[in-house]
C-alpha cells in the first residue's frame, strides 16, 4: 500500500504495518533533445538536464542513466541524491563513424527503488554533408598542351579544405596542394604525345572527399631529336672504311660521303638502333674522304658535322682486281703503269704498252709476281678491247663515261647509273635484260651485280664476280 502527501512524498506500508518513505525521481527538461553535426566530424557536443530527488530529506535517490545507442553517453552516468537535492547530467553525442543521416536514441534515468522511476528522454542526432566539392579549372577539357603547364582546381567544404591531389591517368601527379589556389606544375615532356586524363581529389578537414569530373587533354610536344656521338672510323683499306657511331635514341641512319663536302654518295642503316656501323666501299686509294652521319628518330633528324678519313695507299705496283692492294680507286695508269698510250690526232689509239713502275717490288717476290700477273691481265683486256674496236664485222657498244673508282654492291652514285647503262647496251643476256626492264638507278643492287657478272663472263674477265675493280674499269674505259 502506498500513500502520497500534499508535498508529493510517497510512503509504502509493509505487510506488518511499517511505513517506508521513498525517494521521488524527477528530471527537468523539455520533451526531447536534438543534436546536429557535420559528416566526418569527430568533435562531441552535449546538452544537460537536472536529475532531482523530490522526496523527503530522509530519502536517498540512487539513479543511473542508459542509452539505446552507443553514440549517446552521459556525464555523470550515475549518482546518489538526498531528498531535495539535484545534479546536472550532460547528454553527450559523438558523430565519429556516423554516415550522413538522422539517428534516434532513448535516454533512460532510473532508480528501481524510487517513485516516478524511470524517466525517459528522446534524443535526435542529424549528420549533414559538408558539401565538399572540387573541379579542374585549367587546362580546359579537350585542350592541347605542351611544355610545362599549370593544372588548377577549385575546392569547397563547410568544414574547410585540407588538400587537393591531382591525378594523371589514374596516378598521383606530384604532391597534394594544401592551400588555395590549388594548383601544380606539370612538365608534359615526361608524358607521351597522346591523350591523357586529369582529375582532382579534394579532402576536407573532416576527411570527407570529393572527386572532380575528369577532363581529357592532348600532349603534343616537339619530339626529341637524336644525339649522335662516338663517331669512329676503322678498318681503313685502299677501298673500304667502316664508320661507327652511337645515338641516345633508337634511330635509323644515313651516311653521306664523298671526296668533298658535297659528298655525292650515301649508304643507309634501316635498323632502329642506338649504335651501329656501316662499311663504305668502292673507295679510291690514298684519298681524303668526307662524310656526315644523319640520324632519324621521332620524326626528327640530326646531322653530324663533317668528318674525314684517308684511305690506304696502293702498293707501288698495284694489285689484282678485288684482291689485296687492288681495291684502291685510282686511275689505271696509277694502278698498273699506263696500260695503253693514246695516239695523236683523232685516230684510234696506238698499240697499248705497259709503262714501267717507279718502284718495282723485289724480283721473285710474291708481290712482284702478283703485280706482273695483274699488269699483264690489264694489258690483255685492253688489247682485246682495242681488237674489238678495230674489227669491222662487229658492232661494239662504247661507253663515253670514264670510270674513276671501284664499284661494288651497296655503292651509290652517278657512276653506278653509268655502269648500268653500259651493261644494258653491251650485253643482251638475261641478267642485262632484267636490269633494263627495271631501269637504271644510282644504287648498285643485285640486278647490277648479276648483270656485271654476266658481262665479265662474256668478256673473259676473271674472276667473273660482281666487283667492278681496276681490271674491269681498264677494259670498259678502253672501249
Protein backbone atom coordinates (compact mmCIF):
# COMPACT_ATOMS: atom_id res chain seq x y z
CA UNK A 1 0.00 0.00 0.00
CA UNK A 2 1.33 3.44 -0.90
CA UNK A 3 0.27 6.90 0.21
CA UNK A 4 1.36 10.30 -1.00
CA UNK A 5 1.11 13.57 0.92
CA UNK A 6 0.38 17.02 -0.50
CA UNK A 7 4.13 17.65 -0.94
CA UNK A 8 4.48 14.63 -3.23
CA UNK A 9 6.20 12.38 -0.71
CA UNK A 10 5.34 8.77 -1.07
CA UNK A 11 5.21 6.11 1.61
CA UNK A 12 4.63 2.46 1.43
CA UNK A 13 3.08 0.27 4.03
CA UNK A 14 4.62 -3.09 4.62
CA UNK A 15 2.55 -6.14 5.43
CA UNK A 16 3.42 -5.78 9.08
CA UNK A 17 2.19 -2.22 9.17
CA UNK A 18 5.58 -0.44 8.84
CA UNK A 19 5.58 2.78 6.77
CA UNK A 20 8.52 3.20 4.24
CA UNK A 21 9.28 6.67 2.82
CA UNK A 22 10.51 6.54 -0.87
CA UNK A 23 12.72 8.89 -2.89
CA UNK A 24 10.98 10.59 -5.81
CA UNK A 25 12.80 10.84 -9.20
CA UNK A 26 12.29 13.96 -11.27
CA UNK A 27 14.02 15.39 -14.35
CA UNK A 28 13.82 18.96 -15.59
CA UNK A 29 13.90 19.09 -19.40
CA UNK A 30 11.78 19.56 -22.45
CA UNK A 31 10.25 16.52 -24.05
CA UNK A 32 13.44 15.76 -26.12
CA UNK A 33 16.99 16.73 -27.10
CA UNK A 34 18.11 17.45 -30.72
CA UNK A 35 21.74 17.49 -31.93
CA UNK A 36 23.46 18.03 -35.32
CA UNK A 37 27.00 17.62 -36.69
CA UNK A 38 28.87 17.77 -39.99
CA UNK A 39 29.73 14.47 -41.59
CA UNK A 40 33.21 13.34 -40.72
CA UNK A 41 33.49 15.50 -37.63
CA UNK A 42 34.99 13.87 -34.57
CA UNK A 43 34.01 16.64 -32.18
CA UNK A 44 31.47 15.77 -29.47
CA UNK A 45 28.68 18.06 -28.32
CA UNK A 46 26.41 18.00 -25.28
CA UNK A 47 23.23 19.29 -23.65
CA UNK A 48 22.30 18.94 -19.96
CA UNK A 49 19.32 18.28 -17.74
CA UNK A 50 18.80 18.21 -13.94
CA UNK A 51 18.10 15.00 -12.05
CA UNK A 52 16.29 15.62 -8.71
CA UNK A 53 15.17 13.74 -5.65
CA UNK A 54 11.95 15.48 -4.71
CA UNK A 55 11.26 13.08 -1.86
CA UNK A 56 11.69 13.58 1.91
CA UNK A 57 15.08 14.64 3.14
CA UNK A 58 15.47 11.30 4.73
CA UNK A 59 15.29 9.50 1.42
CA UNK A 60 18.13 8.65 -0.96
CA UNK A 61 17.85 8.52 -4.77
CA UNK A 62 20.38 6.13 -6.37
CA UNK A 63 19.98 6.82 -10.08
CA UNK A 64 21.75 5.71 -13.29
CA UNK A 65 21.46 6.72 -16.97
CA UNK A 66 21.50 4.44 -20.01
CA UNK A 67 21.09 4.84 -23.80
CA UNK A 68 19.80 2.74 -26.65
CA UNK A 69 22.62 3.95 -28.98
CA UNK A 70 26.40 3.88 -28.48
CA UNK A 71 26.85 7.43 -29.83
CA UNK A 72 24.94 8.82 -26.80
CA UNK A 73 26.70 8.83 -23.41
CA UNK A 74 26.28 10.68 -20.09
CA UNK A 75 28.40 12.55 -17.59
CA UNK A 76 27.95 11.60 -14.86
CA UNK A 77 26.24 8.37 -15.75
CA UNK A 78 25.02 7.64 -12.16
CA UNK A 79 24.82 9.16 -8.71
CA UNK A 80 23.09 9.39 -5.30
CA UNK A 81 20.87 12.28 -4.18
CA UNK A 82 19.39 13.02 -0.79
CA UNK A 83 15.84 14.25 -0.60
CA UNK A 84 15.54 17.75 -2.04
CA UNK A 85 18.92 17.56 -3.86
CA UNK A 86 19.62 17.71 -7.62
CA UNK A 87 22.54 17.31 -10.07
CA UNK A 88 23.25 18.22 -13.71
CA UNK A 89 23.71 15.36 -16.20
CA UNK A 90 25.29 16.02 -19.62
CA UNK A 91 23.94 14.18 -22.68
CA UNK A 92 26.99 13.74 -24.98
CA UNK A 93 26.77 12.78 -28.67
CA UNK A 94 29.74 11.59 -30.77
CA UNK A 95 29.40 11.86 -34.63
CA UNK A 96 32.53 9.85 -35.42
CA UNK A 97 31.94 6.97 -37.85
CA UNK A 98 28.33 8.04 -38.48
CA UNK A 99 27.21 8.40 -42.08
CA UNK A 100 25.07 11.23 -43.32
CA UNK A 101 21.52 10.84 -41.98
CA UNK A 102 19.28 11.20 -38.91
CA UNK A 103 19.68 8.97 -35.85
CA UNK A 104 17.36 8.44 -32.82
CA UNK A 105 18.09 7.24 -29.31
CA UNK A 106 16.25 6.99 -25.98
CA UNK A 107 17.90 8.02 -22.71
CA UNK A 108 16.61 6.36 -19.56
CA UNK A 109 17.23 7.63 -15.99
CA UNK A 110 16.06 5.29 -13.28
CA UNK A 111 16.20 4.16 -9.64
CA UNK A 112 14.27 0.92 -9.16
CA UNK A 113 13.51 1.83 -5.54
CA UNK A 114 12.28 5.35 -6.24
CA UNK A 115 8.91 6.67 -7.02
CA UNK A 116 8.31 8.14 -10.56
CA UNK A 117 11.08 5.93 -11.99
CA UNK A 118 12.12 5.52 -14.77
CA UNK A 119 12.20 8.81 -16.67
CA UNK A 120 12.88 8.72 -20.49
CA UNK A 121 14.18 11.43 -22.82
CA UNK A 122 14.09 11.09 -26.66
CA UNK A 123 17.31 12.22 -28.44
CA UNK A 124 17.62 13.01 -32.20
CA UNK A 125 21.05 13.33 -33.92
CA UNK A 126 21.36 14.63 -37.52
CA UNK A 127 24.59 14.15 -39.53
CA UNK A 128 24.76 16.50 -42.54
CA UNK A 129 27.10 16.76 -45.52
CA UNK A 130 29.89 19.31 -45.53
CA UNK A 131 29.23 19.93 -49.20
CA UNK A 132 32.85 19.12 -50.20
CA UNK A 133 33.36 19.50 -53.95
CA UNK A 134 36.12 20.21 -56.45
CA UNK A 135 36.54 20.87 -60.18
CA UNK A 136 39.51 21.45 -62.50
CA UNK A 137 39.54 24.95 -63.96
CA UNK A 138 42.72 24.75 -66.05
CA UNK A 139 43.59 23.39 -68.55
CA UNK A 140 40.23 23.21 -70.31
CA UNK A 141 38.69 19.89 -71.27
CA UNK A 142 39.91 18.93 -74.75
CA UNK A 143 42.92 21.29 -74.65
CA UNK A 144 46.22 20.54 -76.37
CA UNK A 145 49.20 21.17 -74.11
CA UNK A 146 52.99 21.19 -74.37
CA UNK A 147 55.97 22.16 -72.26
CA UNK A 148 55.23 22.94 -68.61
CA UNK A 149 51.60 23.79 -67.76
CA UNK A 150 49.81 24.70 -64.53
CA UNK A 151 46.93 22.44 -63.50
CA UNK A 152 44.45 24.33 -61.26
CA UNK A 153 41.30 23.34 -59.35
CA UNK A 154 38.73 24.92 -57.01
CA UNK A 155 37.53 23.13 -53.85
CA UNK A 156 34.94 23.96 -51.15
CA UNK A 157 33.62 22.43 -47.91
CA UNK A 158 31.79 23.77 -44.88
CA UNK A 159 34.48 22.02 -42.85
CA UNK A 160 37.32 23.67 -44.80
CA UNK A 161 39.66 22.05 -47.36
CA UNK A 162 42.68 20.10 -46.15
CA UNK A 163 44.21 19.20 -49.54
CA UNK A 164 43.67 18.72 -53.27
CA UNK A 165 45.52 15.90 -55.04
CA UNK A 166 45.74 15.90 -58.84
CA UNK A 167 45.79 12.64 -60.81
CA UNK A 168 47.17 11.94 -64.30
CA UNK A 169 45.84 8.78 -65.94
CA UNK A 170 44.89 7.44 -62.50
CA UNK A 171 48.26 8.07 -60.83
CA UNK A 172 49.11 10.96 -58.47
CA UNK A 173 50.54 13.98 -60.27
CA UNK A 174 53.08 15.47 -57.90
CA UNK A 175 52.27 16.31 -54.27
CA UNK A 176 48.91 17.41 -52.90
CA UNK A 177 48.17 21.16 -52.83
CA UNK A 178 47.22 22.30 -49.33
CA UNK A 179 46.27 25.94 -49.84
CA UNK A 180 44.23 27.95 -52.29
CA UNK A 181 44.69 28.41 -55.19
CA UNK A 182 45.04 24.64 -55.54
CA UNK A 183 47.48 24.03 -58.40
CA UNK A 184 50.52 22.07 -59.53
CA UNK A 185 53.12 22.44 -62.28
CA UNK A 186 53.08 19.61 -64.85
CA UNK A 187 56.05 19.04 -67.18
CA UNK A 188 54.26 17.43 -70.11
CA UNK A 189 57.59 16.31 -71.61
CA UNK A 190 57.51 13.50 -69.05
CA UNK A 191 54.34 12.16 -70.71
CA UNK A 192 53.87 10.66 -74.15
CA UNK A 193 52.46 12.61 -77.06
CA UNK A 194 48.92 11.27 -76.72
CA UNK A 195 45.59 11.86 -75.00
CA UNK A 196 45.69 11.87 -71.17
CA UNK A 197 43.11 12.13 -68.37
CA UNK A 198 43.26 14.58 -65.44
CA UNK A 199 41.08 14.81 -62.33
CA UNK A 200 41.32 16.25 -58.79
CA UNK A 201 40.51 14.69 -55.40
CA UNK A 202 39.61 17.17 -52.60
CA UNK A 203 39.79 16.20 -48.91
CA UNK A 204 38.17 18.45 -46.29
CA UNK A 205 39.12 18.90 -42.65
CA UNK A 206 36.63 16.19 -41.65
CA UNK A 207 38.33 13.74 -44.06
CA UNK A 208 35.38 13.90 -46.44
CA UNK A 209 36.45 13.57 -50.08
CA UNK A 210 35.10 14.55 -53.47
CA UNK A 211 36.41 13.78 -56.97
CA UNK A 212 36.14 16.22 -59.83
CA UNK A 213 34.84 15.39 -63.28
CA UNK A 214 37.72 14.05 -65.40
CA UNK A 215 39.00 16.08 -68.32
CA UNK A 216 40.94 14.91 -71.39
CA UNK A 217 43.98 16.79 -72.70
CA UNK A 218 46.33 16.01 -75.57
CA UNK A 219 50.09 16.29 -75.07
CA UNK A 220 51.83 17.48 -78.26
CA UNK A 221 55.46 18.27 -77.54
CA UNK A 222 58.08 18.58 -80.25
CA UNK A 223 59.73 15.18 -80.49
CA UNK A 224 63.23 14.90 -79.14
CA UNK A 225 65.90 14.77 -81.82
CA UNK A 226 68.57 12.06 -81.63
CA UNK A 227 72.06 12.99 -80.47
CA UNK A 228 74.98 11.49 -82.41
CA UNK A 229 78.16 10.64 -80.50
CA UNK A 230 81.24 8.40 -80.51
CA UNK A 231 81.91 8.67 -84.25
CA UNK A 232 84.77 6.41 -85.31
CA UNK A 233 86.41 5.12 -88.48
CA UNK A 234 88.07 1.72 -88.53
CA UNK A 235 89.13 -1.00 -90.93
CA UNK A 236 90.50 1.50 -93.43
CA UNK A 237 91.89 -0.17 -96.57
CA UNK A 238 92.59 1.08 -100.06
CA UNK A 239 88.91 0.92 -101.00
CA UNK A 240 86.91 0.39 -97.78
CA UNK A 241 86.35 2.01 -94.41
CA UNK A 242 83.92 1.25 -91.59
CA UNK A 243 82.19 4.16 -89.85
CA UNK A 244 80.72 3.63 -86.38
CA UNK A 245 78.57 5.84 -84.14
CA UNK A 246 76.08 5.85 -81.25
CA UNK A 247 72.82 7.74 -80.66
CA UNK A 248 70.90 8.46 -77.47
CA UNK A 249 67.66 7.29 -79.13
CA UNK A 250 66.87 4.32 -81.34
CA UNK A 251 67.34 5.74 -84.83
CA UNK A 252 67.82 4.86 -88.48
CA UNK A 253 70.90 6.35 -90.09
CA UNK A 254 72.29 7.58 -93.41
CA UNK A 255 75.95 8.29 -94.12
CA UNK A 256 76.65 10.78 -96.92
CA UNK A 257 80.23 10.58 -98.18
CA UNK A 258 82.49 11.67 -101.00
CA UNK A 259 85.76 13.35 -101.82
CA UNK A 260 84.38 16.80 -100.93
CA UNK A 261 81.81 18.30 -98.57
CA UNK A 262 79.29 17.94 -101.39
CA UNK A 263 79.51 14.19 -100.74
CA UNK A 264 77.53 12.62 -103.61
CA UNK A 265 77.24 9.05 -102.32
CA UNK A 266 75.33 7.55 -99.41
CA UNK A 267 74.64 4.31 -97.55
CA UNK A 268 71.71 3.60 -95.24
CA UNK A 269 71.17 1.74 -91.98
CA UNK A 270 67.45 0.98 -91.70
CA UNK A 271 67.79 -0.68 -88.27
CA UNK A 272 66.32 1.23 -85.33
CA UNK A 273 69.37 1.09 -83.06
CA UNK A 274 71.32 3.24 -80.62
CA UNK A 275 74.63 2.26 -82.15
CA UNK A 276 75.83 0.60 -85.33
CA UNK A 277 78.38 0.76 -88.14
CA UNK A 278 78.37 0.85 -91.93
CA UNK A 279 81.11 0.00 -94.39
CA UNK A 280 81.86 2.46 -97.17
CA UNK A 281 83.14 0.50 -100.16
CA UNK A 282 84.35 1.23 -103.66
CA UNK A 283 86.64 4.00 -102.43
CA UNK A 284 89.76 5.31 -104.11
CA UNK A 285 93.17 4.61 -102.60
CA UNK A 286 95.20 7.28 -100.85
CA UNK A 287 92.26 9.71 -100.96
CA UNK A 288 90.74 12.02 -98.37
CA UNK A 289 87.03 11.27 -97.89
CA UNK A 290 84.47 13.49 -96.21
CA UNK A 291 81.40 12.07 -94.51
CA UNK A 292 78.46 13.13 -92.36
CA UNK A 293 76.05 11.00 -90.34
CA UNK A 294 72.31 11.78 -90.33
CA UNK A 295 70.19 10.05 -87.64
CA UNK A 296 66.38 9.87 -87.82
CA UNK A 297 64.06 9.33 -84.83
CA UNK A 298 60.63 10.52 -83.66
CA UNK A 299 60.00 12.30 -86.94
CA UNK A 300 63.11 14.45 -86.48
CA UNK A 301 66.69 14.22 -87.70
CA UNK A 302 70.14 15.28 -86.57
CA UNK A 303 73.22 15.64 -88.78
CA UNK A 304 76.76 15.39 -87.51
CA UNK A 305 79.41 17.81 -88.63
CA UNK A 306 81.77 16.97 -91.48
CA UNK A 307 84.30 14.23 -90.74
CA UNK A 308 87.24 12.98 -92.79
CA UNK A 309 89.50 9.97 -93.20
CA UNK A 310 92.15 8.94 -95.74
CA UNK A 311 92.15 5.59 -97.47
CA UNK A 312 95.30 3.47 -97.57
CA UNK A 313 97.72 3.84 -100.49
CA UNK A 314 98.09 1.09 -103.07
CA UNK A 315 101.32 -0.88 -103.29
CA UNK A 316 103.63 0.82 -105.77
CA UNK A 317 102.97 -1.83 -108.46
CA UNK A 318 99.22 -2.16 -107.86
CA UNK A 319 97.35 -5.40 -107.30
CA UNK A 320 94.71 -7.73 -108.59
CA UNK A 321 91.09 -6.80 -109.09
CA UNK A 322 89.26 -7.10 -105.78
CA UNK A 323 92.40 -8.57 -104.09
CA UNK A 324 94.91 -7.18 -101.64
CA UNK A 325 96.01 -3.71 -102.64
CA UNK A 326 93.82 -3.72 -105.78
CA UNK A 327 90.78 -2.12 -104.18
CA UNK A 328 92.16 1.41 -104.27
CA UNK A 329 90.28 3.77 -106.50
CA UNK A 330 92.93 5.37 -108.71
CA UNK A 331 93.32 5.65 -112.46
CA UNK A 332 94.51 2.56 -114.37
CA UNK A 333 97.84 4.22 -115.01
CA UNK A 334 98.26 4.75 -111.29
CA UNK A 335 97.50 1.09 -110.58
CA UNK A 336 99.45 -0.68 -113.27
CA UNK A 337 101.58 1.88 -115.02
CA UNK A 338 99.87 3.14 -118.18
CA UNK A 339 98.20 0.11 -119.80
CA UNK A 340 98.00 1.89 -123.11
CA UNK A 341 99.17 5.14 -124.67
CA UNK A 342 96.82 7.29 -126.72
CA UNK A 343 97.79 8.07 -130.28
CA UNK A 344 97.85 11.60 -131.63
CA UNK A 345 95.09 13.38 -133.54
CA UNK A 346 91.62 11.89 -133.87
CA UNK A 347 92.64 8.39 -134.94
CA UNK A 348 92.45 5.27 -132.85
CA UNK A 349 94.92 4.87 -130.00
CA UNK A 350 98.19 3.25 -130.84
CA UNK A 351 99.01 -0.21 -129.64
CA UNK A 352 98.99 -0.36 -125.86
CA UNK A 353 102.24 -0.51 -123.98
CA UNK A 354 102.97 -1.31 -120.37
CA UNK A 355 104.70 1.51 -118.57
CA UNK A 356 107.44 0.70 -116.10
CA UNK A 357 106.60 1.11 -112.43
CA UNK A 358 108.56 3.66 -110.48
CA UNK A 359 109.48 1.41 -107.58
CA UNK A 360 109.03 -2.24 -108.56
CA UNK A 361 108.87 -4.83 -105.82
CA UNK A 362 111.77 -7.12 -105.25
CA UNK A 363 112.26 -9.56 -108.13
CA UNK A 364 110.91 -13.02 -107.49
CA UNK A 365 108.83 -11.97 -104.51
CA UNK A 366 105.15 -12.95 -104.23
CA UNK A 367 104.17 -9.30 -104.52
CA UNK A 368 106.32 -8.95 -107.65
CA UNK A 369 104.77 -11.99 -109.33
CA UNK A 370 101.24 -10.89 -108.43
CA UNK A 371 101.91 -7.39 -109.73
CA UNK A 372 103.26 -8.79 -113.02
CA UNK A 373 100.20 -11.02 -113.47
CA UNK A 374 97.80 -8.16 -112.74
CA UNK A 375 99.60 -5.80 -115.10
CA UNK A 376 99.63 -8.38 -117.91
CA UNK A 377 95.95 -9.15 -117.30
CA UNK A 378 95.06 -5.49 -117.57
CA UNK A 379 97.12 -5.15 -120.74
CA UNK A 380 95.49 -8.27 -122.24
CA UNK A 381 91.98 -6.98 -121.69
CA UNK A 382 92.88 -3.59 -123.12
CA UNK A 383 94.30 -5.30 -126.22
CA UNK A 384 91.10 -7.31 -126.57
CA UNK A 385 89.07 -4.15 -126.32
CA UNK A 386 91.24 -2.49 -128.98
CA UNK A 387 90.84 -5.51 -131.24
CA UNK A 388 87.09 -5.32 -130.94
CA UNK A 389 87.07 -1.66 -131.79
CA UNK A 390 89.20 -2.30 -134.84
CA UNK A 391 87.00 -5.14 -136.15
CA UNK A 392 84.74 -4.08 -138.98
CA UNK A 393 82.50 -7.16 -138.67
CA UNK A 394 81.38 -6.47 -135.10
CA UNK A 395 79.18 -3.79 -133.66
CA UNK A 396 80.62 -2.67 -130.34
CA UNK A 397 78.82 -0.51 -127.82
CA UNK A 398 81.13 2.09 -126.36
CA UNK A 399 80.98 3.99 -123.09
CA UNK A 400 81.76 7.69 -123.26
CA UNK A 401 81.94 7.80 -119.48
CA UNK A 402 85.34 7.43 -117.79
CA UNK A 403 85.05 5.35 -114.62
CA UNK A 404 87.45 6.54 -111.93
CA UNK A 405 86.63 4.42 -108.91
CA UNK A 406 85.85 0.84 -107.96
CA UNK A 407 82.17 -0.07 -107.57
CA UNK A 408 80.58 -2.86 -105.57
CA UNK A 409 77.27 -3.99 -104.09
CA UNK A 410 75.75 -1.20 -102.00
CA UNK A 411 77.64 1.64 -103.70
CA UNK A 412 75.62 4.66 -104.84
CA UNK A 413 76.40 7.45 -107.24
CA UNK A 414 76.12 8.70 -110.82
CA UNK A 415 78.88 6.33 -111.94
CA UNK A 416 76.72 3.38 -110.81
CA UNK A 417 73.98 4.57 -113.15
CA UNK A 418 76.53 4.96 -115.97
CA UNK A 419 77.71 1.38 -115.36
CA UNK A 420 74.12 0.14 -115.53
CA UNK A 421 73.59 1.91 -118.85
CA UNK A 422 76.79 0.37 -120.20
CA UNK A 423 75.83 -3.14 -119.08
CA UNK A 424 72.40 -2.82 -120.71
CA UNK A 425 73.85 -1.60 -124.03
CA UNK A 426 76.81 -4.00 -124.10
CA UNK A 427 75.18 -7.27 -123.13
CA UNK A 428 71.95 -8.95 -124.21
CA UNK A 429 71.94 -11.77 -121.66
CA UNK A 430 69.05 -12.45 -119.23
CA UNK A 431 70.66 -10.50 -116.36
CA UNK A 432 71.13 -7.44 -118.56
CA UNK A 433 67.54 -7.72 -119.76
CA UNK A 434 66.26 -7.80 -116.20
CA UNK A 435 68.31 -4.71 -115.40
CA UNK A 436 66.92 -2.96 -118.47
CA UNK A 437 63.34 -3.88 -117.53
CA UNK A 438 63.88 -2.46 -114.05
CA UNK A 439 65.53 0.73 -115.30
CA UNK A 440 68.72 2.43 -114.21
CA UNK A 441 69.22 3.93 -110.75
CA UNK A 442 72.09 5.32 -108.70
CA UNK A 443 72.17 2.21 -106.50
CA UNK A 444 74.40 -0.83 -107.03
CA UNK A 445 71.94 -3.61 -106.23
CA UNK A 446 71.50 -7.28 -107.02
CA UNK A 447 70.40 -6.64 -110.63
CA UNK A 448 73.56 -4.61 -111.30
CA UNK A 449 75.70 -7.27 -109.63
CA UNK A 450 74.22 -10.09 -111.77
CA UNK A 451 74.49 -8.10 -114.99
CA UNK A 452 78.14 -7.27 -114.20
CA UNK A 453 78.93 -10.96 -113.57
CA UNK A 454 77.27 -11.83 -116.87
CA UNK A 455 79.25 -9.18 -118.74
CA UNK A 456 82.60 -10.19 -117.21
CA UNK A 457 82.00 -13.83 -118.02
CA UNK A 458 81.17 -12.99 -121.64
CA UNK A 459 84.25 -10.73 -121.89
CA UNK A 460 86.54 -13.35 -120.35
CA UNK A 461 87.44 -11.21 -117.33
CA UNK A 462 88.32 -13.36 -114.35
CA UNK A 463 87.12 -13.72 -111.76
CA UNK A 464 83.64 -13.11 -113.19
CA UNK A 465 82.49 -11.56 -109.95
CA UNK A 466 80.14 -8.70 -109.18
CA UNK A 467 83.04 -6.38 -108.34
CA UNK A 468 83.85 -3.54 -110.74
CA UNK A 469 87.55 -3.14 -109.98
CA UNK A 470 90.64 -1.78 -111.76
CA UNK A 471 90.89 -4.55 -114.40
CA UNK A 472 87.24 -4.24 -115.43
CA UNK A 473 87.47 -0.45 -115.38
CA UNK A 474 90.50 -0.59 -117.65
CA UNK A 475 88.62 -2.85 -120.06
CA UNK A 476 85.45 -0.71 -120.08
CA UNK A 477 87.25 2.62 -120.32
CA UNK A 478 89.20 1.33 -123.35
CA UNK A 479 86.02 0.51 -125.31
